[in-house]
C-alpha atoms as a PDB file:
ATOM      1  CA  UNK A   1       0.000   0.000   0.000  1.00  0.00           C
ATOM      2  CA  UNK A   2       2.802   2.409   0.949  1.00  0.00           C
ATOM      3  CA  UNK A   3       4.645   1.402  -2.220  1.00  0.00           C
ATOM      4  CA  UNK A   4       1.618   2.249  -4.391  1.00  0.00           C
ATOM      5  CA  UNK A   5       1.161   5.620  -2.659  1.00  0.00           C
ATOM      6  CA  UNK A   6       4.812   6.496  -3.193  1.00  0.00           C
ATOM      7  CA  UNK A   7       4.335   6.058  -6.954  1.00  0.00           C
ATOM      8  CA  UNK A   8       1.590   8.655  -7.200  1.00  0.00           C
ATOM      9  CA  UNK A   9       2.888  11.517  -9.269  1.00  0.00           C
ATOM     10  CA  UNK A  10       1.770  15.017 -10.027  1.00  0.00           C
ATOM     11  CA  UNK A  11       0.387  14.941 -13.599  1.00  0.00           C
ATOM     12  CA  UNK A  12       2.785  16.333 -16.251  1.00  0.00           C
ATOM     13  CA  UNK A  13       5.788  15.904 -13.958  1.00  0.00           C
ATOM     14  CA  UNK A  14       8.140  13.273 -12.539  1.00  0.00           C
ATOM     15  CA  UNK A  15       7.553  14.411  -8.963  1.00  0.00           C
ATOM     16  CA  UNK A  16       6.108  11.968  -6.444  1.00  0.00           C
ATOM     17  CA  UNK A  17       3.090  13.224  -4.514  1.00  0.00           C
ATOM     18  CA  UNK A  18       4.295  12.216  -1.064  1.00  0.00           C
ATOM     19  CA  UNK A  19       3.874  13.970   2.293  1.00  0.00           C
ATOM     20  CA  UNK A  20       6.944  16.137   1.736  1.00  0.00           C
ATOM     21  CA  UNK A  21       5.657  17.305  -1.658  1.00  0.00           C
ATOM     22  CA  UNK A  22       2.189  17.993  -0.233  1.00  0.00           C
ATOM     23  CA  UNK A  23       3.670  20.119   2.561  1.00  0.00           C
ATOM     24  CA  UNK A  24       5.784  22.015   0.053  1.00  0.00           C
ATOM     25  CA  UNK A  25       2.769  22.681  -2.161  1.00  0.00           C
ATOM     26  CA  UNK A  26       0.593  23.850   0.734  1.00  0.00           C
ATOM     27  CA  UNK A  27       3.314  26.121   2.107  1.00  0.00           C
ATOM     28  CA  UNK A  28       3.102  28.206  -1.089  1.00  0.00           C
ATOM     29  CA  UNK A  29       0.733  31.174  -0.725  1.00  0.00           C
ATOM     30  CA  UNK A  30      -0.272  31.026  -4.409  1.00  0.00           C
ATOM     31  CA  UNK A  31      -1.092  27.322  -4.313  1.00  0.00           C
ATOM     32  CA  UNK A  32      -3.010  27.692  -1.061  1.00  0.00           C
ATOM     33  CA  UNK A  33      -5.068  30.520  -2.560  1.00  0.00           C
ATOM     34  CA  UNK A  34      -5.869  28.341  -5.580  1.00  0.00           C
ATOM     35  CA  UNK A  35      -6.884  25.459  -3.288  1.00  0.00           C
ATOM     36  CA  UNK A  36      -9.299  27.867  -1.588  1.00  0.00           C
ATOM     37  CA  UNK A  37     -10.613  28.716  -5.055  1.00  0.00           C
ATOM     38  CA  UNK A  38     -11.397  25.033  -5.673  1.00  0.00           C
ATOM     39  CA  UNK A  39     -13.271  24.894  -2.358  1.00  0.00           C
ATOM     40  CA  UNK A  40     -15.060  28.159  -3.176  1.00  0.00           C
ATOM     41  CA  UNK A  41     -16.496  26.966  -6.484  1.00  0.00           C
ATOM     42  CA  UNK A  42     -17.142  23.438  -5.223  1.00  0.00           C
ATOM     43  CA  UNK A  43     -19.170  24.978  -2.372  1.00  0.00           C
ATOM     44  CA  UNK A  44     -20.976  27.233  -4.827  1.00  0.00           C
ATOM     45  CA  UNK A  45     -21.838  24.216  -6.997  1.00  0.00           C
ATOM     46  CA  UNK A  46     -23.179  22.245  -4.013  1.00  0.00           C
ATOM     47  CA  UNK A  47     -25.170  25.313  -2.950  1.00  0.00           C
ATOM     48  CA  UNK A  48     -26.538  25.771  -6.475  1.00  0.00           C
ATOM     49  CA  UNK A  49     -27.778  22.162  -6.550  1.00  0.00           C
ATOM     50  CA  UNK A  50     -29.212  22.148  -3.014  1.00  0.00           C
ATOM     51  CA  UNK A  51     -31.062  25.455  -3.476  1.00  0.00           C
ATOM     52  CA  UNK A  52     -33.001  23.729  -6.254  1.00  0.00           C
ATOM     53  CA  UNK A  53     -33.936  20.797  -4.017  1.00  0.00           C
ATOM     54  CA  UNK A  54     -35.714  20.366  -0.683  1.00  0.00           C
ATOM     55  CA  UNK A  55     -32.403  21.073   1.131  1.00  0.00           C
ATOM     56  CA  UNK A  56     -32.604  24.846   0.702  1.00  0.00           C
ATOM     57  CA  UNK A  57     -31.163  25.641   4.160  1.00  0.00           C
ATOM     58  CA  UNK A  58     -28.035  23.655   3.336  1.00  0.00           C
ATOM     59  CA  UNK A  59     -27.950  25.331  -0.066  1.00  0.00           C
ATOM     60  CA  UNK A  60     -27.847  28.760   1.616  1.00  0.00           C
ATOM     61  CA  UNK A  61     -25.128  27.491   3.959  1.00  0.00           C
ATOM     62  CA  UNK A  62     -22.866  26.403   1.093  1.00  0.00           C
ATOM     63  CA  UNK A  63     -23.562  29.615  -0.824  1.00  0.00           C
ATOM     64  CA  UNK A  64     -22.497  31.642   2.246  1.00  0.00           C
ATOM     65  CA  UNK A  65     -19.425  29.426   2.648  1.00  0.00           C
ATOM     66  CA  UNK A  66     -18.503  30.130  -0.971  1.00  0.00           C
ATOM     67  CA  UNK A  67     -18.674  33.895  -0.322  1.00  0.00           C
ATOM     68  CA  UNK A  68     -16.515  33.546   2.806  1.00  0.00           C
ATOM     69  CA  UNK A  69     -13.895  31.588   0.857  1.00  0.00           C
ATOM     70  CA  UNK A  70     -13.934  34.269  -1.847  1.00  0.00           C
ATOM     71  CA  UNK A  71     -13.203  36.929   0.797  1.00  0.00           C
ATOM     72  CA  UNK A  72     -10.422  34.798   2.309  1.00  0.00           C
ATOM     73  CA  UNK A  73      -8.761  34.504  -1.113  1.00  0.00           C
ATOM     74  CA  UNK A  74      -8.658  38.293  -1.447  1.00  0.00           C
ATOM     75  CA  UNK A  75      -6.067  38.523   1.352  1.00  0.00           C
ATOM     76  CA  UNK A  76      -3.721  36.303  -0.666  1.00  0.00           C
ATOM     77  CA  UNK A  77      -4.196  38.360  -3.835  1.00  0.00           C
ATOM     78  CA  UNK A  78      -3.192  41.820  -2.616  1.00  0.00           C
ATOM     79  CA  UNK A  79      -0.287  43.303  -4.635  1.00  0.00           C
ATOM     80  CA  UNK A  80      -0.445  40.417  -7.107  1.00  0.00           C
ATOM     81  CA  UNK A  81      -0.050  42.957  -9.925  1.00  0.00           C
ATOM     82  CA  UNK A  82       3.666  43.363  -9.117  1.00  0.00           C
ATOM     83  CA  UNK A  83       4.580  39.917 -10.482  1.00  0.00           C
ATOM     84  CA  UNK A  84       3.314  40.823 -13.955  1.00  0.00           C
ATOM     85  CA  UNK A  85       6.194  43.251 -14.449  1.00  0.00           C
ATOM     86  CA  UNK A  86       8.443  40.171 -14.671  1.00  0.00           C
ATOM     87  CA  UNK A  87       6.665  39.329 -17.937  1.00  0.00           C
ATOM     88  CA  UNK A  88       8.060  42.464 -19.596  1.00  0.00           C
ATOM     89  CA  UNK A  89      11.332  40.602 -20.209  1.00  0.00           C
ATOM     90  CA  UNK A  90       9.520  37.848 -22.159  1.00  0.00           C
ATOM     91  CA  UNK A  91       7.675  40.472 -24.203  1.00  0.00           C
ATOM     92  CA  UNK A  92      10.941  42.260 -24.976  1.00  0.00           C
ATOM     93  CA  UNK A  93      12.524  39.048 -26.292  1.00  0.00           C
ATOM     94  CA  UNK A  94       9.603  38.224 -28.620  1.00  0.00           C
ATOM     95  CA  UNK A  95      10.672  38.407 -32.286  1.00  0.00           C
ATOM     96  CA  UNK A  96       7.201  38.661 -33.838  1.00  0.00           C
ATOM     97  CA  UNK A  97       6.279  42.398 -33.657  1.00  0.00           C
ATOM     98  CA  UNK A  98       2.518  41.757 -33.628  1.00  0.00           C
ATOM     99  CA  UNK A  99       2.682  39.133 -30.900  1.00  0.00           C
ATOM    100  CA  UNK A 100       5.123  41.309 -28.954  1.00  0.00           C
ATOM    101  CA  UNK A 101       2.475  44.044 -28.824  1.00  0.00           C
ATOM    102  CA  UNK A 102      -0.039  41.453 -27.621  1.00  0.00           C
ATOM    103  CA  UNK A 103       2.329  40.442 -24.814  1.00  0.00           C
ATOM    104  CA  UNK A 104       2.764  44.068 -23.724  1.00  0.00           C
ATOM    105  CA  UNK A 105      -1.016  44.495 -23.839  1.00  0.00           C
ATOM    106  CA  UNK A 106      -1.320  41.330 -21.748  1.00  0.00           C
ATOM    107  CA  UNK A 107       0.960  42.788 -19.057  1.00  0.00           C
ATOM    108  CA  UNK A 108      -1.002  46.065 -19.035  1.00  0.00           C
ATOM    109  CA  UNK A 109      -4.366  44.263 -18.848  1.00  0.00           C
ATOM    110  CA  UNK A 110      -3.130  42.071 -15.973  1.00  0.00           C
ATOM    111  CA  UNK A 111      -1.866  45.065 -13.989  1.00  0.00           C
ATOM    112  CA  UNK A 112      -5.080  47.064 -14.478  1.00  0.00           C
ATOM    113  CA  UNK A 113      -7.282  44.064 -13.608  1.00  0.00           C
ATOM    114  CA  UNK A 114      -5.300  43.208 -10.465  1.00  0.00           C
ATOM    115  CA  UNK A 115      -5.120  46.807  -9.224  1.00  0.00           C
ATOM    116  CA  UNK A 116      -8.879  47.218  -9.748  1.00  0.00           C
ATOM    117  CA  UNK A 117      -9.471  43.982  -7.816  1.00  0.00           C
ATOM    118  CA  UNK A 118      -7.220  45.177  -4.976  1.00  0.00           C
ATOM    119  CA  UNK A 119      -9.193  48.411  -4.825  1.00  0.00           C
ATOM    120  CA  UNK A 120     -12.463  46.476  -4.552  1.00  0.00           C
ATOM    121  CA  UNK A 121     -10.955  44.146  -1.935  1.00  0.00           C
ATOM    122  CA  UNK A 122     -10.172  47.035   0.424  1.00  0.00           C
ATOM    123  CA  UNK A 123     -13.874  47.298   1.225  1.00  0.00           C
ATOM    124  CA  UNK A 124     -14.636  43.585   0.860  1.00  0.00           C
ATOM    125  CA  UNK A 125     -12.164  42.565   3.593  1.00  0.00           C
ATOM    126  CA  UNK A 126     -12.983  45.503   5.861  1.00  0.00           C
ATOM    127  CA  UNK A 127      -9.939  47.756   5.397  1.00  0.00           C
ATOM    128  CA  UNK A 128     -12.326  50.472   4.196  1.00  0.00           C
ATOM    129  CA  UNK A 129     -15.676  51.060   5.869  1.00  0.00           C
ATOM    130  CA  UNK A 130     -18.646  49.599   4.023  1.00  0.00           C
ATOM    131  CA  UNK A 131     -20.030  52.188   1.604  1.00  0.00           C
ATOM    132  CA  UNK A 132     -16.675  53.953   1.136  1.00  0.00           C
ATOM    133  CA  UNK A 133     -16.457  52.894  -2.513  1.00  0.00           C
ATOM    134  CA  UNK A 134     -18.935  53.546  -5.304  1.00  0.00           C
ATOM    135  CA  UNK A 135     -21.652  50.823  -5.308  1.00  0.00           C
ATOM    136  CA  UNK A 136     -20.617  49.725  -8.823  1.00  0.00           C
ATOM    137  CA  UNK A 137     -16.864  49.589  -8.154  1.00  0.00           C
ATOM    138  CA  UNK A 138     -16.824  45.781  -8.265  1.00  0.00           C
ATOM    139  CA  UNK A 139     -18.916  45.773 -11.448  1.00  0.00           C
ATOM    140  CA  UNK A 140     -16.387  47.991 -13.256  1.00  0.00           C
ATOM    141  CA  UNK A 141     -13.519  45.894 -11.876  1.00  0.00           C
ATOM    142  CA  UNK A 142     -15.227  42.834 -13.365  1.00  0.00           C
ATOM    143  CA  UNK A 143     -15.169  44.486 -16.797  1.00  0.00           C
ATOM    144  CA  UNK A 144     -11.397  44.842 -16.420  1.00  0.00           C
ATOM    145  CA  UNK A 145     -11.321  41.080 -15.786  1.00  0.00           C
ATOM    146  CA  UNK A 146     -13.398  40.447 -18.910  1.00  0.00           C
ATOM    147  CA  UNK A 147     -11.033  42.494 -21.093  1.00  0.00           C
ATOM    148  CA  UNK A 148      -8.097  40.624 -19.526  1.00  0.00           C
ATOM    149  CA  UNK A 149      -9.751  37.263 -20.256  1.00  0.00           C
ATOM    150  CA  UNK A 150     -10.173  38.183 -23.945  1.00  0.00           C
ATOM    151  CA  UNK A 151      -6.507  39.208 -24.219  1.00  0.00           C
ATOM    152  CA  UNK A 152      -5.362  36.071 -22.374  1.00  0.00           C
ATOM    153  CA  UNK A 153      -7.433  33.800 -24.635  1.00  0.00           C
ATOM    154  CA  UNK A 154      -5.695  35.245 -27.711  1.00  0.00           C
ATOM    155  CA  UNK A 155      -2.201  35.130 -26.163  1.00  0.00           C
ATOM    156  CA  UNK A 156      -2.504  31.606 -24.758  1.00  0.00           C
ATOM    157  CA  UNK A 157      -3.994  30.313 -28.039  1.00  0.00           C
ATOM    158  CA  UNK A 158      -0.897  31.510 -29.905  1.00  0.00           C
ATOM    159  CA  UNK A 159       1.365  29.991 -27.234  1.00  0.00           C
ATOM    160  CA  UNK A 160      -0.556  26.704 -27.381  1.00  0.00           C
ATOM    161  CA  UNK A 161      -0.246  26.603 -31.187  1.00  0.00           C
ATOM    162  CA  UNK A 162       3.502  27.206 -30.948  1.00  0.00           C
ATOM    163  CA  UNK A 163       3.870  24.491 -28.313  1.00  0.00           C
ATOM    164  CA  UNK A 164       1.841  22.059 -30.467  1.00  0.00           C
ATOM    165  CA  UNK A 165       4.080  22.759 -33.450  1.00  0.00           C
ATOM    166  CA  UNK A 166       7.201  21.937 -31.423  1.00  0.00           C
ATOM    167  CA  UNK A 167       5.596  18.804 -29.980  1.00  0.00           C
ATOM    168  CA  UNK A 168       4.544  17.544 -33.430  1.00  0.00           C
ATOM    169  CA  UNK A 169       8.139  16.714 -34.347  1.00  0.00           C
ATOM    170  CA  UNK A 170       8.818  12.930 -34.249  1.00  0.00           C
ATOM    171  CA  UNK A 171      11.796  13.322 -31.916  1.00  0.00           C
ATOM    172  CA  UNK A 172      10.058  15.743 -29.523  1.00  0.00           C
ATOM    173  CA  UNK A 173      11.074  14.850 -25.929  1.00  0.00           C
ATOM    174  CA  UNK A 174       8.588  14.202 -23.118  1.00  0.00           C
ATOM    175  CA  UNK A 175       9.231  17.651 -21.648  1.00  0.00           C
ATOM    176  CA  UNK A 176       8.123  19.321 -24.898  1.00  0.00           C
ATOM    177  CA  UNK A 177       4.997  17.131 -25.017  1.00  0.00           C
ATOM    178  CA  UNK A 178       4.177  18.134 -21.455  1.00  0.00           C
ATOM    179  CA  UNK A 179       4.631  21.813 -22.260  1.00  0.00           C
ATOM    180  CA  UNK A 180       2.180  21.412 -25.129  1.00  0.00           C
ATOM    181  CA  UNK A 181      -0.430  19.841 -22.841  1.00  0.00           C
ATOM    182  CA  UNK A 182       0.119  22.517 -20.201  1.00  0.00           C
ATOM    183  CA  UNK A 183      -0.231  25.280 -22.818  1.00  0.00           C
ATOM    184  CA  UNK A 184      -3.517  23.767 -24.021  1.00  0.00           C
ATOM    185  CA  UNK A 185      -4.798  23.514 -20.450  1.00  0.00           C
ATOM    186  CA  UNK A 186      -3.777  27.119 -19.852  1.00  0.00           C
ATOM    187  CA  UNK A 187      -5.770  28.155 -22.927  1.00  0.00           C
ATOM    188  CA  UNK A 188      -8.836  26.274 -21.655  1.00  0.00           C
ATOM    189  CA  UNK A 189      -8.411  27.996 -18.283  1.00  0.00           C
ATOM    190  CA  UNK A 190      -8.689  31.444 -19.846  1.00  0.00           C
ATOM    191  CA  UNK A 191     -11.682  30.398 -21.945  1.00  0.00           C
ATOM    192  CA  UNK A 192     -13.259  29.404 -18.619  1.00  0.00           C
ATOM    193  CA  UNK A 193     -12.281  32.807 -17.173  1.00  0.00           C
ATOM    194  CA  UNK A 194     -14.039  34.488 -20.097  1.00  0.00           C
ATOM    195  CA  UNK A 195     -17.245  32.492 -19.511  1.00  0.00           C
ATOM    196  CA  UNK A 196     -17.021  33.366 -15.816  1.00  0.00           C
ATOM    197  CA  UNK A 197     -16.555  37.065 -16.642  1.00  0.00           C
ATOM    198  CA  UNK A 198     -19.807  37.069 -18.653  1.00  0.00           C
ATOM    199  CA  UNK A 199     -21.707  36.306 -15.440  1.00  0.00           C
ATOM    200  CA  UNK A 200     -19.692  38.742 -13.321  1.00  0.00           C
ATOM    201  CA  UNK A 201     -20.429  41.518 -15.842  1.00  0.00           C
ATOM    202  CA  UNK A 202     -24.162  40.698 -15.684  1.00  0.00           C
ATOM    203  CA  UNK A 203     -24.505  40.015 -19.409  1.00  0.00           C
ATOM    204  CA  UNK A 204     -27.982  38.833 -20.416  1.00  0.00           C
ATOM    205  CA  UNK A 205     -26.830  35.563 -22.023  1.00  0.00           C
ATOM    206  CA  UNK A 206     -24.646  34.505 -19.064  1.00  0.00           C
ATOM    207  CA  UNK A 207     -25.440  31.315 -17.150  1.00  0.00           C
ATOM    208  CA  UNK A 208     -24.881  30.883 -13.417  1.00  0.00           C
ATOM    209  CA  UNK A 209     -24.153  27.163 -13.794  1.00  0.00           C
ATOM    210  CA  UNK A 210     -21.639  27.866 -16.582  1.00  0.00           C
ATOM    211  CA  UNK A 211     -20.073  30.502 -14.297  1.00  0.00           C
ATOM    212  CA  UNK A 212     -19.683  27.990 -11.454  1.00  0.00           C
ATOM    213  CA  UNK A 213     -18.332  25.144 -13.603  1.00  0.00           C
ATOM    214  CA  UNK A 214     -15.930  27.503 -15.392  1.00  0.00           C
ATOM    215  CA  UNK A 215     -14.677  28.842 -12.068  1.00  0.00           C
ATOM    216  CA  UNK A 216     -14.122  25.316 -10.777  1.00  0.00           C
ATOM    217  CA  UNK A 217     -12.250  24.250 -13.928  1.00  0.00           C
ATOM    218  CA  UNK A 218     -10.061  27.374 -13.854  1.00  0.00           C
ATOM    219  CA  UNK A 219      -9.305  26.717 -10.172  1.00  0.00           C
ATOM    220  CA  UNK A 220      -8.218  23.124 -10.854  1.00  0.00           C
ATOM    221  CA  UNK A 221      -5.924  24.150 -13.732  1.00  0.00           C
ATOM    222  CA  UNK A 222      -4.392  27.035 -11.757  1.00  0.00           C
ATOM    223  CA  UNK A 223      -3.768  24.863  -8.691  1.00  0.00           C
ATOM    224  CA  UNK A 224      -2.033  22.248 -10.826  1.00  0.00           C
ATOM    225  CA  UNK A 225       0.055  24.919 -12.580  1.00  0.00           C
ATOM    226  CA  UNK A 226       1.329  26.429  -9.322  1.00  0.00           C
ATOM    227  CA  UNK A 227       1.918  22.987  -7.795  1.00  0.00           C
ATOM    228  CA  UNK A 228       4.184  22.208 -10.769  1.00  0.00           C
ATOM    229  CA  UNK A 229       6.096  25.434 -10.162  1.00  0.00           C
ATOM    230  CA  UNK A 230       6.546  24.714  -6.459  1.00  0.00           C
ATOM    231  CA  UNK A 231       7.906  21.202  -7.074  1.00  0.00           C
ATOM    232  CA  UNK A 232      10.074  22.191 -10.054  1.00  0.00           C
END
């Protein structure tokens, strides 16, 4: 039994998922925040189902839990915009002028979206007194997230296509194949973010269930991505 457990590996890596690896993953603030995101959308999904059954009280409980987890995640996300400035180096090295502009736009969109979320969070977590911000501050911040999602979908699609081209070579090593899969997953994550943003921006065609499932999928992909980084 112990032997079988020791052979469990993190997908797309050669790292064993043992106790040491689990502790290392959970000690990372980014990975912990993404784990909370999984719990947030899982709770929201359970609440969504129960509110449409005879277990409405439990449905309200899980919906409230989801909101509490969302607030908890905001503490982890403060000043997240700073890390995007590291991406300027990658943009500067890009040889394709058109894609280079897209990468610079991606950095700008990330910074604006994260700063707007931080601003909203100040009231959400109680740093600012309730009512200090304009009632629609979060709504406008969500539009920044929607614009970001559109930019990210385009950028990650190009990256996924490039990774697929490299992986299509007969002698492509396992590492290149894994990068291709990760790039495709990353693309799907931002498509999910876009679907989620439709609901956050209160668009008429948006679906709450699609919002929840997209959020859960994005959370799973992000958690896996940061776990890979931690164990690298």
